[in-house]
Amino acid sequence: MMAYRRVALIGLGLIASSISHAIRRAGLPVTVTGHARTGATREEARRLGLGEIHDTAAGAVRGADLVILCVPVGAMAGVMEEIAPALEPGATVSDVGSVKGSVIAAIRPLLPEGVHFVPGHPLAGTEHSGPAAGFAALFDNRWCVLTPPADTDPRAVAALEAFWQALGANVEVMDAEHHDLVLAVTSHVPHLIAYTMVGVADDLSRVTESEVIKYSAAGFRDFTRIAASDPTMWRDVFLNNKEATLDILGRFTEELFALQRAIRLGDGEHLRAYFTRTRAIRRGIIDAGQDTAAPDFGRAAQPAPAG
């Protein structure tokens, strides 16, 4: 675990700030450095005590033995070009991007000789962004997927795996192409559906004088939480994971047509069997410790009115 003495975080949003807090909570004897593109974000990070905040990305990575790129997927190549001359031989570069195939294709040609590259993706987050959104427990019992290319030094992979475990995460190593397909199912397409549903409701609210918002039930509220996620990050996700996203969207469309037909024909047995099967997925997620079975999706109960 003592493979890292200096960890540089490039991009200082939710994930990077949570990494900084989790390092401090774990008591790891490492120096954290960081850089963000805007001066306002850098000042906020300094105020929050997230580490040694530098005005340039190259300054932040100088002397670091672990560099984590915490920027949108579309920005990673540009950042890598900037920091490459300042990277230390033997250092490890990683990232937290939700897409791995395109990140590997963009980063590997820019790696200096002797620098390791272990792509990563912590499957954790909230709809909030910015340095103040981070908290130490974000990665607790969540999965961090590592997708090292086949020729990666296994010692570099083992060191990064130990690092994420120290922050509270479970770690899985898998092929980048498989990661992108899995995430298209579990994250990317669900986000796209949420954005679409909220967009449709927004159009409808103009007709119904905002009754869609006024009378929102739990299902729509949960869609809006997902749809409130960082728009730049999600734009880059869809542009960089086109093949897997379009594949799963095609399958989703087929399922949707089948449900439309069942509703049109009054086929209640088909609908009940389908909903029973999908309900079991929710139970599996709870049994795996990836969500809570608390009533009302964990929302605090409102106190009963007096009298």
Protein backbone atom coordinates (compact mmCIF):
# COMPACT_ATOMS: atom_id res chain seq x y z
CA MET A 1 0.00 0.00 0.00
CA MET A 2 2.94 2.34 0.50
CA ALA A 3 3.60 2.36 -3.24
CA TYR A 4 2.34 5.97 -3.40
CA ARG A 5 3.80 8.93 -1.58
CA ARG A 6 2.34 11.72 -3.70
CA VAL A 7 -1.06 11.55 -5.43
CA ALA A 8 -2.08 14.17 -8.00
CA LEU A 9 -5.75 14.77 -8.80
CA ILE A 10 -6.38 16.57 -12.09
CA GLY A 11 -9.89 17.96 -12.04
CA LEU A 12 -11.35 18.79 -8.63
CA GLY A 13 -15.01 17.84 -8.76
CA LEU A 14 -17.06 15.33 -6.79
CA ILE A 15 -14.82 12.29 -7.41
CA ALA A 16 -11.47 14.02 -6.84
CA SER A 17 -12.62 15.78 -3.69
CA SER A 18 -14.03 12.49 -2.36
CA ILE A 19 -10.69 10.79 -3.08
CA SER A 20 -8.93 13.49 -1.06
CA HIS A 21 -11.34 13.12 1.86
CA ALA A 22 -11.12 9.31 1.74
CA ILE A 23 -7.29 9.42 1.77
CA ARG A 24 -7.41 11.60 4.86
CA ARG A 25 -9.99 9.35 6.55
CA ALA A 26 -7.87 6.26 5.84
CA GLY A 27 -4.83 7.94 7.38
CA LEU A 28 -2.68 7.26 4.34
CA PRO A 29 0.71 9.02 4.63
CA VAL A 30 0.56 10.56 1.17
CA THR A 31 0.69 14.13 -0.06
CA VAL A 32 -2.30 15.10 -2.21
CA THR A 33 -1.86 17.67 -4.96
CA GLY A 34 -4.42 18.93 -7.40
CA HIS A 35 -5.34 21.20 -10.26
CA ALA A 36 -8.59 22.47 -11.78
CA ARG A 37 -9.09 24.41 -14.98
CA THR A 38 -10.77 27.44 -13.41
CA GLY A 39 -9.33 29.71 -10.76
CA ALA A 40 -12.62 29.73 -8.84
CA THR A 41 -12.55 25.95 -8.49
CA ARG A 42 -8.92 26.01 -7.39
CA GLU A 43 -9.71 28.61 -4.72
CA GLU A 44 -12.64 26.55 -3.47
CA ALA A 45 -10.44 23.45 -3.29
CA ARG A 46 -7.85 25.38 -1.29
CA ARG A 47 -10.54 26.62 1.09
CA LEU A 48 -11.77 23.05 1.58
CA GLY A 49 -8.23 21.82 2.28
CA LEU A 50 -8.24 19.22 -0.48
CA GLY A 51 -4.44 19.32 -0.85
CA GLU A 52 -1.66 21.32 -2.44
CA ILE A 53 -3.53 23.05 -5.25
CA HIS A 54 -1.45 24.13 -8.24
CA ASP A 55 -2.25 26.66 -10.93
CA THR A 56 -1.08 24.27 -13.67
CA ALA A 57 -1.69 20.57 -14.25
CA ALA A 58 2.01 20.04 -14.94
CA GLY A 59 2.88 21.57 -11.58
CA ALA A 60 0.43 19.29 -9.80
CA VAL A 61 1.83 16.06 -11.29
CA ARG A 62 5.51 16.89 -10.86
CA GLY A 63 6.94 14.38 -8.39
CA ALA A 64 3.68 12.38 -8.13
CA ASP A 65 3.81 8.59 -8.28
CA LEU A 66 0.03 8.34 -8.88
CA VAL A 67 -1.84 10.72 -11.18
CA ILE A 68 -5.62 10.38 -11.44
CA LEU A 69 -7.41 12.19 -14.27
CA CYS A 70 -10.77 13.30 -12.89
CA VAL A 71 -11.94 15.29 -15.91
CA PRO A 72 -14.67 14.59 -18.51
CA VAL A 73 -13.77 11.84 -20.96
CA GLY A 74 -13.53 14.28 -23.84
CA ALA A 75 -10.93 16.40 -22.02
CA MET A 76 -8.52 13.61 -21.09
CA ALA A 77 -6.34 13.66 -24.20
CA GLY A 78 -5.74 17.41 -23.87
CA VAL A 79 -4.85 17.07 -20.19
CA MET A 80 -2.53 14.17 -20.93
CA GLU A 81 -0.67 16.20 -23.54
CA GLU A 82 -0.17 18.94 -20.96
CA ILE A 83 1.13 16.74 -18.15
CA ALA A 84 3.16 14.18 -20.12
CA PRO A 85 6.48 16.09 -20.00
CA ALA A 86 6.19 16.50 -16.20
CA LEU A 87 5.43 12.86 -15.33
CA GLU A 88 7.97 10.94 -13.26
CA PRO A 89 9.43 7.67 -14.63
CA GLY A 90 7.72 4.79 -12.82
CA ALA A 91 4.60 6.84 -12.03
CA THR A 92 1.13 5.45 -12.65
CA VAL A 93 -1.52 7.37 -14.56
CA SER A 94 -5.15 6.41 -13.98
CA ASP A 95 -8.55 8.02 -14.49
CA VAL A 96 -12.14 7.85 -13.27
CA GLY A 97 -13.94 8.01 -16.63
CA SER A 98 -17.19 6.16 -17.24
CA VAL A 99 -15.94 4.98 -20.66
CA LYS A 100 -12.74 3.02 -20.98
CA GLY A 101 -12.13 2.03 -24.61
CA SER A 102 -11.92 5.58 -25.95
CA VAL A 103 -9.86 6.73 -22.95
CA ILE A 104 -7.28 4.03 -23.56
CA ALA A 105 -7.13 4.91 -27.25
CA ALA A 106 -6.61 8.59 -26.42
CA ILE A 107 -4.13 8.25 -23.55
CA ARG A 108 -1.79 5.39 -24.50
CA PRO A 109 -0.10 7.12 -27.46
CA LEU A 110 0.74 10.09 -25.21
CA LEU A 111 2.33 8.11 -22.35
CA PRO A 112 6.03 8.78 -21.80
CA GLU A 113 8.38 5.78 -21.67
CA GLY A 114 8.41 4.15 -18.23
CA VAL A 115 5.02 5.53 -17.08
CA HIS A 116 2.33 2.97 -16.24
CA PHE A 117 -1.30 3.37 -17.31
CA VAL A 118 -4.07 1.65 -15.33
CA PRO A 119 -7.49 3.00 -16.37
CA GLY A 120 -10.10 2.99 -13.63
CA HIS A 121 -13.74 3.73 -13.00
CA PRO A 122 -15.21 4.06 -9.49
CA LEU A 123 -18.90 3.22 -9.78
CA ALA A 124 -19.95 5.87 -7.31
CA GLY A 125 -21.38 9.34 -7.54
CA THR A 126 -24.27 11.66 -6.88
CA GLU A 127 -26.12 14.20 -8.98
CA HIS A 128 -24.03 16.95 -7.38
CA SER A 129 -20.73 18.27 -8.71
CA GLY A 130 -17.88 20.53 -7.66
CA PRO A 131 -15.27 20.36 -4.89
CA ALA A 132 -17.79 20.90 -2.09
CA ALA A 133 -19.86 17.89 -3.19
CA GLY A 134 -17.23 15.32 -2.17
CA PHE A 135 -17.29 13.21 0.99
CA ALA A 136 -15.08 10.46 2.39
CA ALA A 137 -17.65 7.66 2.35
CA LEU A 138 -18.54 7.98 -1.35
CA PHE A 139 -16.63 4.80 -2.33
CA ASP A 140 -17.56 2.64 0.66
CA ASN A 141 -18.69 -0.81 -0.56
CA ARG A 142 -18.92 0.50 -4.12
CA TRP A 143 -17.06 -1.10 -7.00
CA CYS A 144 -14.04 0.38 -8.73
CA VAL A 145 -13.36 -1.31 -12.07
CA LEU A 146 -9.80 -1.34 -13.41
CA THR A 147 -9.23 -2.04 -17.11
CA PRO A 148 -5.45 -2.31 -17.60
CA PRO A 149 -4.20 -3.11 -21.13
CA ALA A 150 -2.76 -6.60 -21.48
CA ASP A 151 0.88 -5.48 -21.30
CA THR A 152 0.48 -3.49 -18.05
CA ASP A 153 2.94 -4.25 -15.23
CA PRO A 154 0.92 -6.35 -12.72
CA ARG A 155 2.66 -4.58 -9.84
CA ALA A 156 1.18 -1.27 -11.00
CA VAL A 157 -2.27 -2.86 -11.13
CA ALA A 158 -1.88 -4.40 -7.66
CA ALA A 159 -0.77 -1.09 -6.16
CA LEU A 160 -3.77 0.78 -7.58
CA GLU A 161 -6.10 -2.00 -6.48
CA ALA A 162 -4.76 -1.69 -2.91
CA PHE A 163 -5.17 2.10 -3.08
CA TRP A 164 -8.87 1.91 -3.97
CA GLN A 165 -9.47 -0.76 -1.36
CA ALA A 166 -7.95 1.57 1.25
CA LEU A 167 -10.53 4.17 0.20
CA GLY A 168 -13.32 1.71 0.96
CA ALA A 169 -14.03 0.35 -2.53
CA ASN A 170 -14.32 -3.18 -3.86
CA VAL A 171 -12.11 -3.70 -6.92
CA GLU A 172 -12.75 -5.68 -10.10
CA VAL A 173 -10.39 -6.04 -13.07
CA MET A 174 -11.98 -6.53 -16.49
CA ASP A 175 -11.50 -5.95 -20.20
CA ALA A 176 -12.23 -2.38 -21.35
CA GLU A 177 -14.68 -3.44 -24.08
CA HIS A 178 -16.66 -5.54 -21.61
CA HIS A 179 -16.68 -2.65 -19.11
CA ASP A 180 -18.17 -0.32 -21.71
CA LEU A 181 -20.94 -2.81 -22.54
CA VAL A 182 -21.77 -3.43 -18.87
CA LEU A 183 -21.88 0.29 -18.13
CA ALA A 184 -24.09 0.94 -21.14
CA VAL A 185 -26.64 -1.37 -19.48
CA THR A 186 -26.26 -0.27 -15.86
CA SER A 187 -25.56 3.44 -16.25
CA HIS A 188 -25.39 5.05 -19.67
CA VAL A 189 -28.71 4.00 -21.20
CA PRO A 190 -30.61 4.48 -17.90
CA HIS A 191 -29.26 8.03 -17.78
CA LEU A 192 -30.32 8.61 -21.39
CA ILE A 193 -33.82 7.31 -20.62
CA ALA A 194 -34.02 9.59 -17.58
CA TYR A 195 -32.94 12.61 -19.63
CA THR A 196 -35.54 11.72 -22.25
CA MET A 197 -38.39 11.25 -19.77
CA VAL A 198 -37.64 14.51 -18.00
CA GLY A 199 -37.39 16.27 -21.37
CA VAL A 200 -40.81 14.92 -22.39
CA ALA A 201 -42.27 16.00 -19.06
CA ASP A 202 -40.79 19.46 -19.51
CA ASP A 203 -42.55 19.78 -22.86
CA LEU A 204 -45.79 18.59 -21.28
CA SER A 205 -45.47 20.95 -18.32
CA ARG A 206 -45.75 23.90 -20.69
CA VAL A 207 -49.19 22.63 -21.65
CA THR A 208 -50.31 21.70 -18.14
CA GLU A 209 -49.00 24.85 -16.41
CA SER A 210 -46.27 22.95 -14.56
CA GLU A 211 -48.59 20.30 -13.11
CA VAL A 212 -45.97 17.71 -14.05
CA ILE A 213 -43.64 19.28 -11.52
CA LYS A 214 -46.33 20.07 -8.93
CA TYR A 215 -47.71 16.53 -8.84
CA SER A 216 -44.51 14.56 -9.45
CA ALA A 217 -44.63 11.08 -7.95
CA ALA A 218 -41.61 9.13 -6.74
CA GLY A 219 -40.76 7.60 -10.11
CA PHE A 220 -40.47 10.94 -11.87
CA ARG A 221 -38.60 12.48 -8.93
CA ASP A 222 -35.98 9.73 -9.21
CA PHE A 223 -35.67 10.39 -12.94
CA THR A 224 -35.03 14.07 -12.25
CA ARG A 225 -32.27 13.21 -9.76
CA ILE A 226 -30.47 11.22 -12.45
CA ALA A 227 -31.12 13.88 -15.09
CA ALA A 228 -29.54 16.52 -12.85
CA SER A 229 -26.08 14.97 -13.36
CA ASP A 230 -23.21 16.90 -14.93
CA PRO A 231 -24.20 17.63 -18.57
CA THR A 232 -20.63 17.93 -19.88
CA MET A 233 -19.61 14.59 -18.39
CA TRP A 234 -22.64 12.80 -19.83
CA ARG A 235 -22.29 14.42 -23.24
CA ASP A 236 -18.77 12.98 -23.41
CA VAL A 237 -19.92 9.57 -22.16
CA PHE A 238 -22.41 9.13 -24.98
CA LEU A 239 -20.08 10.49 -27.66
CA ASN A 240 -17.31 8.12 -26.52
CA ASN A 241 -19.36 4.96 -25.95
CA LYS A 242 -21.48 5.07 -29.09
CA GLU A 243 -21.32 1.41 -30.10
CA ALA A 244 -22.34 -0.13 -26.77
CA THR A 245 -24.94 2.57 -26.05
CA LEU A 246 -26.62 2.18 -29.44
CA ASP A 247 -26.58 -1.62 -29.05
CA ILE A 248 -28.38 -1.46 -25.70
CA LEU A 249 -30.76 1.26 -26.94
CA GLY A 250 -31.76 -1.06 -29.77
CA ARG A 251 -32.54 -3.83 -27.31
CA PHE A 252 -34.43 -1.39 -25.10
CA THR A 253 -36.55 -0.30 -28.07
CA GLU A 254 -37.46 -3.92 -28.84
CA GLU A 255 -38.52 -4.48 -25.22
CA LEU A 256 -40.53 -1.25 -25.25
CA PHE A 257 -42.37 -2.28 -28.43
CA ALA A 258 -43.25 -5.63 -26.81
CA LEU A 259 -44.69 -3.85 -23.77
CA GLN A 260 -46.62 -1.45 -26.00
CA ARG A 261 -48.16 -4.42 -27.79
CA ALA A 262 -49.08 -6.11 -24.49
CA ILE A 263 -50.81 -2.95 -23.26
CA ARG A 264 -52.62 -2.44 -26.58
CA LEU A 265 -53.86 -6.06 -26.59
CA GLY A 266 -54.70 -6.09 -22.89
CA ASP A 267 -52.21 -8.91 -22.26
CA GLY A 268 -52.08 -8.64 -18.47
CA GLU A 269 -50.30 -11.96 -18.06
CA HIS A 270 -47.36 -10.76 -20.18
CA LEU A 271 -47.13 -7.53 -18.20
CA ARG A 272 -47.30 -9.29 -14.83
CA ALA A 273 -44.67 -11.86 -15.80
CA TYR A 274 -42.37 -9.12 -17.12
CA PHE A 275 -42.72 -6.98 -13.99
CA THR A 276 -42.15 -10.00 -11.74
CA ARG A 277 -38.90 -10.76 -13.55
CA THR A 278 -37.67 -7.18 -13.36
CA ARG A 279 -38.63 -6.89 -9.69
CA ALA A 280 -36.15 -9.67 -8.93
CA ILE A 281 -33.31 -7.48 -10.27
CA ARG A 282 -34.05 -4.94 -7.54
CA ARG A 283 -33.85 -7.66 -4.89
CA GLY A 284 -30.49 -8.77 -6.29
CA ILE A 285 -29.08 -5.24 -6.04
CA ILE A 286 -30.17 -4.99 -2.40
CA ASP A 287 -28.79 -8.46 -1.58
CA ALA A 288 -25.45 -7.41 -3.10
CA GLY A 289 -25.29 -4.46 -0.70
CA GLN A 290 -25.43 -1.88 -3.49
CA ASP A 291 -28.58 -0.17 -2.22
CA THR A 292 -30.87 -0.08 0.77
CA ALA A 293 -34.19 -1.83 1.25
CA ALA A 294 -35.42 1.06 3.39
CA PRO A 295 -39.01 2.07 2.61
CA ASP A 296 -39.63 4.92 0.18
CA PHE A 297 -36.12 4.56 -1.30
CA GLY A 298 -34.54 5.60 2.00
CA ARG A 299 -36.28 8.96 2.18
CA ALA A 300 -36.86 10.18 5.71
CA ALA A 301 -40.43 9.75 6.89
CA GLN A 302 -42.30 12.98 7.48
CA PRO A 303 -43.52 13.54 11.06
CA ALA A 304 -47.23 13.08 11.62
CA PRO A 305 -49.17 16.36 12.01
CA ALA A 306 -49.91 17.37 15.60
CA GLY A 307 -53.40 16.72 16.94
